[in-house]
Amino acid sequence: GWLGEGLRILVADTGFMKSHVSIKDLVIADEHDFVNNDDDTEDTASESNDDHGTTVIGILGGYYPGTMVGVVPNAEFLLAKTEVTGVDFAGEEDNFIAALEWGEKKGALVCSSSLGFPFDRPFAQMDGKTTPSTIAVNTASLLGMVVVVSAGNLGTDGIVPPSDSPMAIAVGSVNSTSHLQEFSGCGPSYDGRVKPELLAPGVSITTPDSLSTTSFNNYSG
């Protein structure tokens, strides 16, 4: 029966369609677009730029009875746009680190981030202490933030930073019968730690999309 009262969550992702019918009543404590350096995380220029972030925030906090109810719709949220849709470059990892610092200063107790920064890094760097985003997660964790991150979509090719952090809760995906999905990143880390720490439903999950302010869809990831 607990719906997130008293919890402040940082969500780092692409943009967020805040005008969506299931999201419009979210308590947004603050937001920042680290890509465009402004304070609006809804990208009106392109719906596709909001798509991934909208699905993620919907699972966490969306509320539209009869269609879906998110996990903690009564929590407070800090929204950070850190990703540019369709491209991968080192600046996105920098944006993620900046968002962690920003969120920690603003009192986030949890960071939920369905992002990863593989950049063709060698497996030896998946040691929990090498990549910039992993170091940032370690630091945020030591400051009291619980950081929950995706194990990535590389399947048996391994996990991706920052999920190798020894302090992060890395999450993988199972279907409705609790079978691990082929795309879900598998450990161990380079130094032999079990990764991910948690498996959760990640197949055909109903959540809002950014096609319109009233659209919902089923997503896997």
C-alpha atoms as a PDB file:
ATOM      1  CA  GLY A   1       0.000   0.000   0.000  1.00  0.00           C
ATOM      2  CA  TRP A   2       2.996   2.341   0.072  1.00  0.00           C
ATOM      3  CA  LEU A   3       3.056   4.543  -3.039  1.00  0.00           C
ATOM      4  CA  GLY A   4       6.308   6.437  -2.493  1.00  0.00           C
ATOM      5  CA  GLU A   5       5.372   9.129   0.006  1.00  0.00           C
ATOM      6  CA  GLY A   6       8.496  10.881   1.282  1.00  0.00           C
ATOM      7  CA  LEU A   7      10.764   9.439  -1.401  1.00  0.00           C
ATOM      8  CA  ARG A   8      12.691  11.683  -3.812  1.00  0.00           C
ATOM      9  CA  ILE A   9      13.924   9.913  -6.955  1.00  0.00           C
ATOM     10  CA  LEU A  10      16.345  11.135  -9.604  1.00  0.00           C
ATOM     11  CA  VAL A  11      15.575   9.763 -13.072  1.00  0.00           C
ATOM     12  CA  ALA A  12      18.249  10.261 -15.752  1.00  0.00           C
ATOM     13  CA  ASP A  13      17.155   9.453 -19.285  1.00  0.00           C
ATOM     14  CA  THR A  14      16.041  11.006 -22.560  1.00  0.00           C
ATOM     15  CA  GLY A  15      13.296  13.632 -22.406  1.00  0.00           C
ATOM     16  CA  PHE A  16       9.980  13.146 -20.598  1.00  0.00           C
ATOM     17  CA  MET A  17       6.499  13.865 -21.932  1.00  0.00           C
ATOM     18  CA  LYS A  18       5.298  15.575 -18.773  1.00  0.00           C
ATOM     19  CA  SER A  19       2.021  16.465 -20.482  1.00  0.00           C
ATOM     20  CA  HIS A  20       1.052  12.785 -20.813  1.00  0.00           C
ATOM     21  CA  VAL A  21      -2.234  11.992 -19.098  1.00  0.00           C
ATOM     22  CA  SER A  22      -0.549   9.496 -16.740  1.00  0.00           C
ATOM     23  CA  ILE A  23       2.386  11.772 -15.870  1.00  0.00           C
ATOM     24  CA  LYS A  24       0.906  15.274 -15.720  1.00  0.00           C
ATOM     25  CA  ASP A  25       0.146  15.026 -11.990  1.00  0.00           C
ATOM     26  CA  LEU A  26       3.596  13.803 -10.964  1.00  0.00           C
ATOM     27  CA  VAL A  27       5.250  15.817  -8.217  1.00  0.00           C
ATOM     28  CA  ILE A  28       8.336  17.129 -10.030  1.00  0.00           C
ATOM     29  CA  ALA A  29      10.608  18.703  -7.441  1.00  0.00           C
ATOM     30  CA  ASP A  30      12.976  19.980 -10.134  1.00  0.00           C
ATOM     31  CA  GLU A  31      14.224  19.187 -13.625  1.00  0.00           C
ATOM     32  CA  HIS A  32      17.171  19.991 -15.857  1.00  0.00           C
ATOM     33  CA  ASP A  33      18.065  19.284 -19.472  1.00  0.00           C
ATOM     34  CA  PHE A  34      21.804  18.573 -19.484  1.00  0.00           C
ATOM     35  CA  VAL A  35      21.799  18.227 -23.285  1.00  0.00           C
ATOM     36  CA  ASN A  36      20.341  21.640 -24.107  1.00  0.00           C
ATOM     37  CA  ASN A  37      21.272  23.306 -20.798  1.00  0.00           C
ATOM     38  CA  ASP A  38      17.805  24.480 -19.859  1.00  0.00           C
ATOM     39  CA  ASP A  39      15.204  23.582 -17.250  1.00  0.00           C
ATOM     40  CA  ASP A  40      12.608  21.842 -19.427  1.00  0.00           C
ATOM     41  CA  THR A  41      13.030  18.096 -19.962  1.00  0.00           C
ATOM     42  CA  GLU A  42      10.100  17.765 -22.388  1.00  0.00           C
ATOM     43  CA  ASP A  43      11.464  17.990 -25.911  1.00  0.00           C
ATOM     44  CA  THR A  44       8.724  19.536 -28.008  1.00  0.00           C
ATOM     45  CA  ALA A  45      10.909  19.426 -31.124  1.00  0.00           C
ATOM     46  CA  SER A  46      10.748  15.656 -31.466  1.00  0.00           C
ATOM     47  CA  GLU A  47       8.465  13.128 -29.789  1.00  0.00           C
ATOM     48  CA  SER A  48      11.095  10.403 -30.306  1.00  0.00           C
ATOM     49  CA  ASN A  49      13.480  12.278 -28.004  1.00  0.00           C
ATOM     50  CA  ASP A  50      10.985  11.852 -25.179  1.00  0.00           C
ATOM     51  CA  ASP A  51      10.094   8.215 -25.850  1.00  0.00           C
ATOM     52  CA  HIS A  52      12.511   6.232 -23.665  1.00  0.00           C
ATOM     53  CA  GLY A  53      12.336   8.603 -20.715  1.00  0.00           C
ATOM     54  CA  THR A  54       8.540   8.674 -20.874  1.00  0.00           C
ATOM     55  CA  THR A  55       8.285   4.878 -20.717  1.00  0.00           C
ATOM     56  CA  VAL A  56      10.684   4.737 -17.761  1.00  0.00           C
ATOM     57  CA  ILE A  57       9.074   7.493 -15.706  1.00  0.00           C
ATOM     58  CA  GLY A  58       5.677   5.955 -16.465  1.00  0.00           C
ATOM     59  CA  ILE A  59       6.687   2.631 -14.912  1.00  0.00           C
ATOM     60  CA  LEU A  60       7.941   4.471 -11.838  1.00  0.00           C
ATOM     61  CA  GLY A  61       5.325   7.132 -11.325  1.00  0.00           C
ATOM     62  CA  GLY A  62       2.606   6.974 -13.952  1.00  0.00           C
ATOM     63  CA  TYR A  63      -0.956   7.008 -12.687  1.00  0.00           C
ATOM     64  CA  TYR A  64      -3.979   6.333 -14.895  1.00  0.00           C
ATOM     65  CA  PRO A  65      -6.342   3.881 -13.179  1.00  0.00           C
ATOM     66  CA  GLY A  66      -7.908   1.378 -15.548  1.00  0.00           C
ATOM     67  CA  THR A  67      -4.808   1.336 -17.740  1.00  0.00           C
ATOM     68  CA  MET A  68      -1.748   1.443 -15.484  1.00  0.00           C
ATOM     69  CA  VAL A  69      -0.486   2.509 -12.089  1.00  0.00           C
ATOM     70  CA  GLY A  70       3.240   2.986 -11.565  1.00  0.00           C
ATOM     71  CA  VAL A  71       5.288   1.660  -8.665  1.00  0.00           C
ATOM     72  CA  VAL A  72       5.559   4.886  -6.643  1.00  0.00           C
ATOM     73  CA  PRO A  73       3.218   7.538  -8.098  1.00  0.00           C
ATOM     74  CA  ASN A  74       3.258   9.576  -4.865  1.00  0.00           C
ATOM     75  CA  ALA A  75       7.034  10.030  -4.797  1.00  0.00           C
ATOM     76  CA  GLU A  76       8.791  13.281  -5.693  1.00  0.00           C
ATOM     77  CA  PHE A  77      10.870  13.234  -8.862  1.00  0.00           C
ATOM     78  CA  LEU A  78      13.976  14.987 -10.122  1.00  0.00           C
ATOM     79  CA  LEU A  79      14.029  14.699 -13.917  1.00  0.00           C
ATOM     80  CA  ALA A  80      17.322  14.875 -15.795  1.00  0.00           C
ATOM     81  CA  LYS A  81      17.581  14.739 -19.572  1.00  0.00           C
ATOM     82  CA  THR A  82      21.065  13.364 -20.283  1.00  0.00           C
ATOM     83  CA  GLU A  83      20.673  11.413 -23.528  1.00  0.00           C
ATOM     84  CA  VAL A  84      20.477  12.295 -27.210  1.00  0.00           C
ATOM     85  CA  THR A  85      18.235   9.813 -29.020  1.00  0.00           C
ATOM     86  CA  GLY A  86      19.826   7.761 -31.784  1.00  0.00           C
ATOM     87  CA  VAL A  87      23.496   8.478 -31.054  1.00  0.00           C
ATOM     88  CA  ASP A  88      26.044   7.322 -28.481  1.00  0.00           C
ATOM     89  CA  PHE A  89      28.922   9.562 -27.521  1.00  0.00           C
ATOM     90  CA  ALA A  90      31.099  10.240 -24.478  1.00  0.00           C
ATOM     91  CA  GLY A  91      29.265  13.470 -23.664  1.00  0.00           C
ATOM     92  CA  GLU A  92      26.232  11.434 -22.573  1.00  0.00           C
ATOM     93  CA  GLU A  93      28.300   9.798 -19.847  1.00  0.00           C
ATOM     94  CA  ASP A  94      29.431  13.264 -18.765  1.00  0.00           C
ATOM     95  CA  ASN A  95      25.780  14.360 -18.666  1.00  0.00           C
ATOM     96  CA  PHE A  96      24.897  11.354 -16.510  1.00  0.00           C
ATOM     97  CA  ILE A  97      27.667  12.202 -14.037  1.00  0.00           C
ATOM     98  CA  ALA A  98      26.532  15.835 -13.905  1.00  0.00           C
ATOM     99  CA  ALA A  99      22.954  14.652 -13.263  1.00  0.00           C
ATOM    100  CA  LEU A 100      24.107  12.445 -10.375  1.00  0.00           C
ATOM    101  CA  GLU A 101      25.899  15.410  -8.789  1.00  0.00           C
ATOM    102  CA  TRP A 102      22.861  17.655  -9.352  1.00  0.00           C
ATOM    103  CA  GLY A 103      20.428  15.089  -7.955  1.00  0.00           C
ATOM    104  CA  GLU A 104      22.525  14.377  -4.873  1.00  0.00           C
ATOM    105  CA  LYS A 105      22.690  18.080  -4.044  1.00  0.00           C
ATOM    106  CA  LYS A 106      18.905  18.272  -4.389  1.00  0.00           C
ATOM    107  CA  GLY A 107      18.278  15.443  -1.959  1.00  0.00           C
ATOM    108  CA  ALA A 108      17.602  12.428  -4.155  1.00  0.00           C
ATOM    109  CA  LEU A 109      17.464   9.278  -2.043  1.00  0.00           C
ATOM    110  CA  VAL A 110      17.348   7.026  -5.112  1.00  0.00           C
ATOM    111  CA  CYS A 111      18.619   7.300  -8.670  1.00  0.00           C
ATOM    112  CA  SER A 112      16.862   5.148 -11.257  1.00  0.00           C
ATOM    113  CA  SER A 113      18.670   5.029 -14.573  1.00  0.00           C
ATOM    114  CA  SER A 114      17.964   2.673 -17.462  1.00  0.00           C
ATOM    115  CA  LEU A 115      21.143   3.764 -19.234  1.00  0.00           C
ATOM    116  CA  GLY A 116      24.552   2.274 -19.953  1.00  0.00           C
ATOM    117  CA  PHE A 117      27.805   3.454 -21.484  1.00  0.00           C
ATOM    118  CA  PRO A 118      29.633   0.518 -23.119  1.00  0.00           C
ATOM    119  CA  PHE A 119      31.530   2.469 -25.833  1.00  0.00           C
ATOM    120  CA  ASP A 120      33.337  -0.769 -26.832  1.00  0.00           C
ATOM    121  CA  ARG A 121      35.248  -0.757 -23.574  1.00  0.00           C
ATOM    122  CA  PRO A 122      37.317  -3.867 -22.813  1.00  0.00           C
ATOM    123  CA  PHE A 123      35.943  -6.338 -20.280  1.00  0.00           C
ATOM    124  CA  ALA A 124      38.844  -5.553 -17.949  1.00  0.00           C
ATOM    125  CA  GLN A 125      37.240  -2.150 -17.294  1.00  0.00           C
ATOM    126  CA  MET A 126      34.131  -3.805 -15.837  1.00  0.00           C
ATOM    127  CA  ASP A 127      35.905  -3.996 -12.482  1.00  0.00           C
ATOM    128  CA  GLY A 128      33.728  -1.599 -10.490  1.00  0.00           C
ATOM    129  CA  LYS A 129      36.285   1.174 -10.218  1.00  0.00           C
ATOM    130  CA  THR A 130      37.501   2.282 -13.656  1.00  0.00           C
ATOM    131  CA  THR A 131      34.949   3.926 -15.948  1.00  0.00           C
ATOM    132  CA  PRO A 132      33.861   7.515 -15.195  1.00  0.00           C
ATOM    133  CA  SER A 133      30.170   6.666 -14.716  1.00  0.00           C
ATOM    134  CA  THR A 134      31.030   3.792 -12.378  1.00  0.00           C
ATOM    135  CA  ILE A 135      33.267   6.028 -10.264  1.00  0.00           C
ATOM    136  CA  ALA A 136      30.426   8.563 -10.101  1.00  0.00           C
ATOM    137  CA  VAL A 137      27.943   5.905  -8.961  1.00  0.00           C
ATOM    138  CA  ASN A 138      30.374   4.753  -6.281  1.00  0.00           C
ATOM    139  CA  THR A 139      30.706   8.333  -5.038  1.00  0.00           C
ATOM    140  CA  ALA A 140      26.948   8.976  -5.055  1.00  0.00           C
ATOM    141  CA  SER A 141      26.405   5.740  -3.146  1.00  0.00           C
ATOM    142  CA  LEU A 142      28.938   6.711  -0.493  1.00  0.00           C
ATOM    143  CA  LEU A 143      27.018   9.969  -0.084  1.00  0.00           C
ATOM    144  CA  GLY A 144      23.856   8.013   0.712  1.00  0.00           C
ATOM    145  CA  MET A 145      22.081   7.612  -2.629  1.00  0.00           C
ATOM    146  CA  VAL A 146      20.743   4.202  -3.702  1.00  0.00           C
ATOM    147  CA  VAL A 147      21.629   3.906  -7.394  1.00  0.00           C
ATOM    148  CA  VAL A 148      19.613   1.460  -9.496  1.00  0.00           C
ATOM    149  CA  VAL A 149      20.868   0.906 -13.046  1.00  0.00           C
ATOM    150  CA  SER A 150      20.257  -1.307 -16.047  1.00  0.00           C
ATOM    151  CA  ALA A 151      22.572  -4.265 -16.593  1.00  0.00           C
ATOM    152  CA  GLY A 152      22.385  -3.382 -20.291  1.00  0.00           C
ATOM    153  CA  ASN A 153      21.097  -5.062 -23.438  1.00  0.00           C
ATOM    154  CA  LEU A 154      24.191  -7.032 -24.489  1.00  0.00           C
ATOM    155  CA  GLY A 155      22.994 -10.418 -23.255  1.00  0.00           C
ATOM    156  CA  THR A 156      25.823 -12.900 -22.785  1.00  0.00           C
ATOM    157  CA  ASP A 157      28.289 -10.317 -24.126  1.00  0.00           C
ATOM    158  CA  GLY A 158      28.261  -8.850 -20.633  1.00  0.00           C
ATOM    159  CA  ILE A 159      27.158  -5.959 -18.467  1.00  0.00           C
ATOM    160  CA  VAL A 160      27.773  -2.283 -19.205  1.00  0.00           C
ATOM    161  CA  PRO A 161      28.965   0.628 -17.046  1.00  0.00           C
ATOM    162  CA  PRO A 162      27.904   1.767 -14.534  1.00  0.00           C
ATOM    163  CA  SER A 163      26.200  -1.529 -13.640  1.00  0.00           C
ATOM    164  CA  ASP A 164      29.613  -2.964 -12.726  1.00  0.00           C
ATOM    165  CA  SER A 165      29.720  -0.690  -9.669  1.00  0.00           C
ATOM    166  CA  PRO A 166      29.902  -2.752  -6.469  1.00  0.00           C
ATOM    167  CA  MET A 167      27.487  -0.282  -4.874  1.00  0.00           C
ATOM    168  CA  ALA A 168      24.897  -0.127  -7.664  1.00  0.00           C
ATOM    169  CA  ILE A 169      21.838  -2.349  -7.820  1.00  0.00           C
ATOM    170  CA  ALA A 170      22.092  -3.663 -11.387  1.00  0.00           C
ATOM    171  CA  VAL A 171      18.795  -4.930 -12.820  1.00  0.00           C
ATOM    172  CA  GLY A 172      18.171  -7.513 -15.528  1.00  0.00           C
ATOM    173  CA  SER A 173      14.997  -8.577 -17.308  1.00  0.00           C
ATOM    174  CA  VAL A 174      12.808 -11.671 -17.043  1.00  0.00           C
ATOM    175  CA  ASN A 175       9.523 -12.594 -18.684  1.00  0.00           C
ATOM    176  CA  SER A 176       6.237 -13.514 -16.980  1.00  0.00           C
ATOM    177  CA  THR A 177       7.512 -17.025 -16.208  1.00  0.00           C
ATOM    178  CA  SER A 178      10.728 -15.660 -14.645  1.00  0.00           C
ATOM    179  CA  HIS A 179      13.006 -16.701 -17.499  1.00  0.00           C
ATOM    180  CA  LEU A 180      15.971 -14.450 -18.208  1.00  0.00           C
ATOM    181  CA  GLN A 181      15.612 -12.631 -21.524  1.00  0.00           C
ATOM    182  CA  GLU A 182      18.260 -13.034 -24.225  1.00  0.00           C
ATOM    183  CA  PHE A 183      18.935  -9.295 -24.470  1.00  0.00           C
ATOM    184  CA  SER A 184      19.451  -8.829 -20.738  1.00  0.00           C
ATOM    185  CA  GLY A 185      23.079  -8.178 -19.751  1.00  0.00           C
ATOM    186  CA  CYS A 186      24.779 -11.034 -17.889  1.00  0.00           C
ATOM    187  CA  GLY A 187      27.740 -10.877 -15.526  1.00  0.00           C
ATOM    188  CA  PRO A 188      29.890 -11.575 -13.744  1.00  0.00           C
ATOM    189  CA  SER A 189      31.954  -8.414 -13.412  1.00  0.00           C
ATOM    190  CA  TYR A 190      35.635  -8.581 -14.379  1.00  0.00           C
ATOM    191  CA  ASP A 191      36.583  -9.137 -10.739  1.00  0.00           C
ATOM    192  CA  GLY A 192      34.134 -12.017 -10.382  1.00  0.00           C
ATOM    193  CA  ARG A 193      31.121 -10.429  -8.673  1.00  0.00           C
ATOM    194  CA  VAL A 194      27.608 -11.654  -9.450  1.00  0.00           C
ATOM    195  CA  LYS A 195      25.799  -9.230 -11.737  1.00  0.00           C
ATOM    196  CA  PRO A 196      22.988  -8.270 -11.977  1.00  0.00           C
ATOM    197  CA  GLU A 197      21.812  -8.181  -8.357  1.00  0.00           C
ATOM    198  CA  LEU A 198      18.137  -8.173  -9.268  1.00  0.00           C
ATOM    199  CA  LEU A 199      15.901  -9.542 -12.017  1.00  0.00           C
ATOM    200  CA  ALA A 200      12.515  -7.964 -12.623  1.00  0.00           C
ATOM    201  CA  PRO A 201       9.681  -8.162 -15.181  1.00  0.00           C
ATOM    202  CA  GLY A 202      10.845  -6.552 -18.410  1.00  0.00           C
ATOM    203  CA  VAL A 203       8.687  -8.002 -21.179  1.00  0.00           C
ATOM    204  CA  SER A 204       5.470  -6.443 -22.518  1.00  0.00           C
ATOM    205  CA  ILE A 205       5.181  -3.899 -19.708  1.00  0.00           C
ATOM    206  CA  THR A 206       2.340  -1.411 -20.164  1.00  0.00           C
ATOM    207  CA  THR A 207       3.544   2.160 -19.903  1.00  0.00           C
ATOM    208  CA  PRO A 208       2.969   5.526 -21.626  1.00  0.00           C
ATOM    209  CA  ASP A 209       4.606   6.348 -24.934  1.00  0.00           C
ATOM    210  CA  SER A 210       5.215   9.734 -26.523  1.00  0.00           C
ATOM    211  CA  LEU A 211       3.097   9.329 -29.660  1.00  0.00           C
ATOM    212  CA  SER A 212       0.438  11.437 -27.976  1.00  0.00           C
ATOM    213  CA  THR A 213      -0.522  12.638 -24.514  1.00  0.00           C
ATOM    214  CA  THR A 214      -2.989   9.718 -24.219  1.00  0.00           C
ATOM    215  CA  SER A 215      -1.024   6.850 -25.827  1.00  0.00           C
ATOM    216  CA  PHE A 216       0.074   3.679 -24.034  1.00  0.00           C
ATOM    217  CA  ASN A 217       2.023   0.699 -25.335  1.00  0.00           C
ATOM    218  CA  ASN A 218       3.707  -2.502 -24.208  1.00  0.00           C
ATOM    219  CA  TYR A 219       7.498  -2.336 -24.053  1.00  0.00           C
ATOM    220  CA  SER A 220      10.324  -4.730 -23.315  1.00  0.00           C
ATOM    221  CA  GLY A 221      13.734  -3.836 -21.926  1.00  0.00           C
END
